[in-house]
PDB file of N, CA and C in Angstrom:
ATOM      1  N   MET A   1       1.516   0.881  16.529  1.00  0.00           N
ATOM      2  CA  MET A   1       1.263  -0.607  16.579  1.00  0.00           C
ATOM      3  C   MET A   1       2.174  -1.151  15.450  1.00  0.00           C
ATOM      4  N   ALA A   2       2.262  -0.296  14.308  1.00  0.00           N
ATOM      5  CA  ALA A   2       3.059  -0.669  13.301  1.00  0.00           C
ATOM      6  C   ALA A   2       4.542  -1.087  13.517  1.00  0.00           C
ATOM      7  N   ASP A   3       5.158  -0.194  14.659  1.00  0.00           N
ATOM      8  CA  ASP A   3       6.374  -0.335  14.972  1.00  0.00           C
ATOM      9  C   ASP A   3       6.664  -1.986  15.662  1.00  0.00           C
ATOM     10  N   LYS A   4       5.532  -2.161  16.293  1.00  0.00           N
ATOM     11  CA  LYS A   4       5.721  -3.535  16.719  1.00  0.00           C
ATOM     12  C   LYS A   4       5.905  -4.600  15.865  1.00  0.00           C
ATOM     13  N   TYR A   5       5.345  -4.561  14.439  1.00  0.00           N
ATOM     14  CA  TYR A   5       4.975  -5.678  13.562  1.00  0.00           C
ATOM     15  C   TYR A   5       6.611  -5.435  12.839  1.00  0.00           C
ATOM     16  N   GLN A   6       6.950  -4.132  12.685  1.00  0.00           N
ATOM     17  CA  GLN A   6       8.308  -4.220  12.064  1.00  0.00           C
ATOM     18  C   GLN A   6       9.492  -4.741  12.671  1.00  0.00           C
ATOM     19  N   ALA A   7       9.379  -4.486  14.336  1.00  0.00           N
ATOM     20  CA  ALA A   7      10.473  -4.836  15.129  1.00  0.00           C
ATOM     21  C   ALA A   7      10.426  -6.865  15.085  1.00  0.00           C
ATOM     22  N   THR A   8       9.527  -7.286  14.710  1.00  0.00           N
ATOM     23  CA  THR A   8       9.362  -8.813  14.897  1.00  0.00           C
ATOM     24  C   THR A   8       9.050  -9.472  13.602  1.00  0.00           C
ATOM     25  N   TRP A   9       8.844  -8.580  12.691  1.00  0.00           N
ATOM     26  CA  TRP A   9       8.769  -9.606  11.315  1.00  0.00           C
ATOM     27  C   TRP A   9       9.479  -8.821  10.296  1.00  0.00           C
ATOM     28  N   LYS A  10      10.107  -9.383   9.469  1.00  0.00           N
ATOM     29  CA  LYS A  10      10.727  -9.191   8.274  1.00  0.00           C
ATOM     30  C   LYS A  10      10.435  -9.835   7.151  1.00  0.00           C
ATOM     31  N   PRO A  11      10.279  -9.481   6.049  1.00  0.00           N
ATOM     32  CA  PRO A  11      10.060 -10.260   5.137  1.00  0.00           C
ATOM     33  C   PRO A  11      11.483 -10.658   4.278  1.00  0.00           C
ATOM     34  N   THR A  12      11.209 -12.242   3.892  1.00  0.00           N
ATOM     35  CA  THR A  12      12.344 -13.082   3.312  1.00  0.00           C
ATOM     36  C   THR A  12      12.521 -12.339   1.642  1.00  0.00           C
ATOM     37  N   GLU A  13      13.848 -12.357   1.343  1.00  0.00           N
ATOM     38  CA  GLU A  13      14.355 -12.088  -0.182  1.00  0.00           C
ATOM     39  C   GLU A  13      13.025 -12.299  -1.065  1.00  0.00           C
ATOM     40  N   GLU A  14      12.627 -13.582  -0.867  1.00  0.00           N
ATOM     41  CA  GLU A  14      11.734 -14.342  -1.819  1.00  0.00           C
ATOM     42  C   GLU A  14      10.343 -13.629  -1.618  1.00  0.00           C
ATOM     43  N   ASP A  15       9.923 -13.355  -0.307  1.00  0.00           N
ATOM     44  CA  ASP A  15       8.769 -13.045  -0.073  1.00  0.00           C
ATOM     45  C   ASP A  15       8.356 -11.443  -0.816  1.00  0.00           C
ATOM     46  N   PHE A  16       9.877 -10.552  -0.581  1.00  0.00           N
ATOM     47  CA  PHE A  16       9.791  -9.505  -1.181  1.00  0.00           C
ATOM     48  C   PHE A  16       9.483  -9.375  -2.696  1.00  0.00           C
ATOM     49  N   ASP A  17      10.519 -10.087  -3.391  1.00  0.00           N
ATOM     50  CA  ASP A  17      10.569 -10.245  -4.803  1.00  0.00           C
ATOM     51  C   ASP A  17       9.154 -11.212  -5.333  1.00  0.00           C
ATOM     52  N   LYS A  18       8.574 -12.045  -4.808  1.00  0.00           N
ATOM     53  CA  LYS A  18       7.442 -12.748  -5.171  1.00  0.00           C
ATOM     54  C   LYS A  18       6.046 -12.457  -4.623  1.00  0.00           C
ATOM     55  N   ILE A  19       6.048 -11.695  -3.876  1.00  0.00           N
ATOM     56  CA  ILE A  19       4.721 -11.203  -3.324  1.00  0.00           C
ATOM     57  C   ILE A  19       4.648  -9.670  -3.171  1.00  0.00           C
ATOM     58  N   ILE A  20       5.600  -8.927  -2.307  1.00  0.00           N
ATOM     59  CA  ILE A  20       5.344  -7.639  -1.866  1.00  0.00           C
ATOM     60  C   ILE A  20       5.653  -6.848  -2.893  1.00  0.00           C
ATOM     61  N   LEU A  21       6.764  -7.063  -3.893  1.00  0.00           N
ATOM     62  CA  LEU A  21       7.033  -5.940  -4.940  1.00  0.00           C
ATOM     63  C   LEU A  21       5.833  -6.172  -6.095  1.00  0.00           C
ATOM     64  N   PRO A  22       5.454  -7.122  -6.476  1.00  0.00           N
ATOM     65  CA  PRO A  22       4.298  -7.340  -7.434  1.00  0.00           C
ATOM     66  C   PRO A  22       3.157  -6.734  -6.921  1.00  0.00           C
ATOM     67  N   ALA A  23       2.838  -6.834  -5.575  1.00  0.00           N
ATOM     68  CA  ALA A  23       1.670  -6.022  -5.022  1.00  0.00           C
ATOM     69  C   ALA A  23       2.014  -4.943  -5.073  1.00  0.00           C
ATOM     70  N   MET A  24       2.877  -4.289  -4.559  1.00  0.00           N
ATOM     71  CA  MET A  24       3.055  -2.828  -4.559  1.00  0.00           C
ATOM     72  C   MET A  24       3.077  -2.159  -6.327  1.00  0.00           C
ATOM     73  N   GLN A  25       3.806  -2.968  -7.166  1.00  0.00           N
ATOM     74  CA  GLN A  25       3.272  -2.702  -8.688  1.00  0.00           C
ATOM     75  C   GLN A  25       1.907  -2.581  -8.998  1.00  0.00           C
ATOM     76  N   GLY A  26       1.130  -3.629  -8.494  1.00  0.00           N
ATOM     77  CA  GLY A  26      -0.158  -3.599  -8.965  1.00  0.00           C
ATOM     78  C   GLY A  26      -0.923  -2.607  -8.320  1.00  0.00           C
ATOM     79  N   ILE A  27      -0.768  -2.450  -6.858  1.00  0.00           N
ATOM     80  CA  ILE A  27      -1.615  -1.085  -6.428  1.00  0.00           C
ATOM     81  C   ILE A  27      -1.038   0.048  -7.101  1.00  0.00           C
ATOM     82  N   ALA A  28       0.073   0.428  -7.492  1.00  0.00           N
ATOM     83  CA  ALA A  28       0.576   1.597  -8.179  1.00  0.00           C
ATOM     84  C   ALA A  28      -0.697   1.776  -9.611  1.00  0.00           C
ATOM     85  N   GLN A  29      -0.358   0.736 -10.128  1.00  0.00           N
ATOM     86  CA  GLN A  29      -1.310   1.036 -11.490  1.00  0.00           C
ATOM     87  C   GLN A  29      -2.392   0.945 -11.383  1.00  0.00           C
ATOM     88  N   GLN A  30      -3.149   0.423 -10.365  1.00  0.00           N
ATOM     89  CA  GLN A  30      -4.718   0.406 -10.019  1.00  0.00           C
ATOM     90  C   GLN A  30      -4.769   2.054  -9.559  1.00  0.00           C
ATOM     91  N   CYS A  31      -3.776   2.583  -8.912  1.00  0.00           N
ATOM     92  CA  CYS A  31      -3.892   3.940  -8.582  1.00  0.00           C
ATOM     93  C   CYS A  31      -3.926   4.711  -9.651  1.00  0.00           C
ATOM     94  N   ALA A  32      -2.891   4.907 -10.710  1.00  0.00           N
ATOM     95  CA  ALA A  32      -2.833   5.419 -11.781  1.00  0.00           C
ATOM     96  C   ALA A  32      -4.231   5.243 -12.721  1.00  0.00           C
ATOM     97  N   SER A  33      -4.574   4.165 -12.614  1.00  0.00           N
ATOM     98  CA  SER A  33      -6.069   4.033 -13.558  1.00  0.00           C
ATOM     99  C   SER A  33      -7.172   4.672 -12.912  1.00  0.00           C
ATOM    100  N   HIS A  34      -7.220   4.466 -11.554  1.00  0.00           N
ATOM    101  CA  HIS A  34      -8.334   5.257 -11.005  1.00  0.00           C
ATOM    102  C   HIS A  34      -8.223   7.052 -10.945  1.00  0.00           C
ATOM    103  N   MET A  35      -6.835   7.203 -10.813  1.00  0.00           N
ATOM    104  CA  MET A  35      -6.544   8.757 -11.311  1.00  0.00           C
ATOM    105  C   MET A  35      -6.991   9.396 -12.479  1.00  0.00           C
ATOM    106  N   ASN A  36      -6.626   8.406 -13.449  1.00  0.00           N
ATOM    107  CA  ASN A  36      -6.966   8.739 -15.099  1.00  0.00           C
ATOM    108  C   ASN A  36      -8.858   8.688 -15.122  1.00  0.00           C
ATOM    109  N   GLU A  37      -9.236   7.529 -14.815  1.00  0.00           N
ATOM    110  CA  GLU A  37     -10.767   7.691 -14.652  1.00  0.00           C
ATOM    111  C   GLU A  37     -11.412   8.612 -14.038  1.00  0.00           C
ATOM    112  N   LEU A  38     -11.077   8.996 -12.982  1.00  0.00           N
ATOM    113  CA  LEU A  38     -11.781  10.139 -12.226  1.00  0.00           C
ATOM    114  C   LEU A  38     -11.217  11.523 -12.308  1.00  0.00           C
ATOM    115  N   GLN A  39     -10.106  11.579 -13.143  1.00  0.00           N
ATOM    116  CA  GLN A  39      -9.487  13.028 -13.354  1.00  0.00           C
ATOM    117  C   GLN A  39      -9.355  13.659 -12.242  1.00  0.00           C
ATOM    118  N   CYS A  40      -8.660  12.834 -11.369  1.00  0.00           N
ATOM    119  CA  CYS A  40      -8.320  13.787  -9.928  1.00  0.00           C
ATOM    120  C   CYS A  40      -6.926  13.939  -9.796  1.00  0.00           C
ATOM    121  N   PRO A  41      -6.873  14.846  -8.961  1.00  0.00           N
ATOM    122  CA  PRO A  41      -5.086  14.960  -8.479  1.00  0.00           C
ATOM    123  C   PRO A  41      -4.497  13.849  -7.809  1.00  0.00           C
ATOM    124  N   PRO A  42      -3.190  13.624  -8.286  1.00  0.00           N
ATOM    125  CA  PRO A  42      -2.630  12.701  -7.129  1.00  0.00           C
ATOM    126  C   PRO A  42      -2.889  12.623  -5.629  1.00  0.00           C
ATOM    127  N   GLU A  43      -3.227  13.983  -5.122  1.00  0.00           N
ATOM    128  CA  GLU A  43      -3.009  14.188  -3.688  1.00  0.00           C
ATOM    129  C   GLU A  43      -4.643  13.286  -3.205  1.00  0.00           C
ATOM    130  N   PHE A  44      -5.547  13.311  -4.215  1.00  0.00           N
ATOM    131  CA  PHE A  44      -6.652  12.379  -3.830  1.00  0.00           C
ATOM    132  C   PHE A  44      -6.349  11.029  -3.631  1.00  0.00           C
ATOM    133  N   ILE A  45      -5.524  10.515  -4.452  1.00  0.00           N
ATOM    134  CA  ILE A  45      -5.221   8.957  -4.321  1.00  0.00           C
ATOM    135  C   ILE A  45      -4.441   8.839  -3.066  1.00  0.00           C
ATOM    136  N   ALA A  46      -3.487   9.780  -3.061  1.00  0.00           N
ATOM    137  CA  ALA A  46      -2.562   9.795  -1.564  1.00  0.00           C
ATOM    138  C   ALA A  46      -3.299   9.614  -0.434  1.00  0.00           C
ATOM    139  N   LEU A  47      -4.278  10.691  -0.286  1.00  0.00           N
ATOM    140  CA  LEU A  47      -5.212  10.443   0.743  1.00  0.00           C
ATOM    141  C   LEU A  47      -6.224   9.332   0.796  1.00  0.00           C
ATOM    142  N   MET A  48      -6.403   8.410  -0.500  1.00  0.00           N
ATOM    143  CA  MET A  48      -7.186   7.217   0.124  1.00  0.00           C
ATOM    144  C   MET A  48      -6.226   6.114   0.355  1.00  0.00           C
ATOM    145  N   LEU A  49      -5.221   6.335   0.042  1.00  0.00           N
ATOM    146  CA  LEU A  49      -4.036   5.410   0.563  1.00  0.00           C
ATOM    147  C   LEU A  49      -3.655   5.436   2.251  1.00  0.00           C
ATOM    148  N   ARG A  50      -3.523   6.709   2.145  1.00  0.00           N
ATOM    149  CA  ARG A  50      -3.388   6.950   3.621  1.00  0.00           C
ATOM    150  C   ARG A  50      -4.577   6.518   4.557  1.00  0.00           C
ATOM    151  N   ASP A  51      -5.904   6.613   4.112  1.00  0.00           N
ATOM    152  CA  ASP A  51      -6.995   6.329   5.048  1.00  0.00           C
ATOM    153  C   ASP A  51      -7.063   4.522   4.981  1.00  0.00           C
ATOM    154  N   PHE A  52      -6.644   4.147   3.934  1.00  0.00           N
ATOM    155  CA  PHE A  52      -6.562   2.666   4.075  1.00  0.00           C
ATOM    156  C   PHE A  52      -5.140   2.154   4.901  1.00  0.00           C
ATOM    157  N   ALA A  53      -4.263   3.038   4.898  1.00  0.00           N
ATOM    158  CA  ALA A  53      -3.193   2.382   5.977  1.00  0.00           C
ATOM    159  C   ALA A  53      -3.792   2.546   7.334  1.00  0.00           C
ATOM    160  N   ASP A  54      -4.173   3.738   7.494  1.00  0.00           N
ATOM    161  CA  ASP A  54      -4.615   4.220   9.291  1.00  0.00           C
ATOM    162  C   ASP A  54      -5.892   2.694   9.284  1.00  0.00           C
ATOM    163  N   ALA A  55      -6.762   2.605   8.547  1.00  0.00           N
ATOM    164  CA  ALA A  55      -7.411   1.681   8.883  1.00  0.00           C
ATOM    165  C   ALA A  55      -6.767   0.121   9.337  1.00  0.00           C
ATOM    166  N   SER A  56      -5.912   0.027   8.199  1.00  0.00           N
ATOM    167  CA  SER A  56      -5.591  -1.424   8.301  1.00  0.00           C
ATOM    168  C   SER A  56      -4.437  -1.494   9.995  1.00  0.00           C
ATOM    169  N   GLU A  57      -4.171  -0.330  10.357  1.00  0.00           N
ATOM    170  CA  GLU A  57      -3.418  -0.448  11.395  1.00  0.00           C
ATOM    171  C   GLU A  57      -4.317  -0.690  12.782  1.00  0.00           C
ATOM    172  N   ASN A  58      -5.657  -0.593  12.538  1.00  0.00           N
ATOM    173  CA  ASN A  58      -6.379  -0.542  13.537  1.00  0.00           C
ATOM    174  C   ASN A  58      -7.446  -2.275  13.386  1.00  0.00           C
ATOM    175  N   LEU A  59      -6.570  -3.001  12.611  1.00  0.00           N
ATOM    176  CA  LEU A  59      -7.141  -4.250  12.528  1.00  0.00           C
ATOM    177  C   LEU A  59      -6.773  -5.315  13.251  1.00  0.00           C
ATOM    178  N   SER A  60      -5.782  -5.081  14.253  1.00  0.00           N
ATOM    179  CA  SER A  60      -4.983  -6.282  15.305  1.00  0.00           C
ATOM    180  C   SER A  60      -5.457  -5.816  16.532  1.00  0.00           C
TER     181      SER A  60
END
């Protein structure tokens, strides 16, 4: 399903600079904070992100 969206939608440079990049940076900071708070390995955070990605693919 993700392939369908990748083939039909492409962010503008402004979208990337003003929305996507800041969002990615914020998510990375939150993940680092959670990893420090939980004292868990990075693999656990990666698993959480994979689960989120899998769930978001099923929204449409």
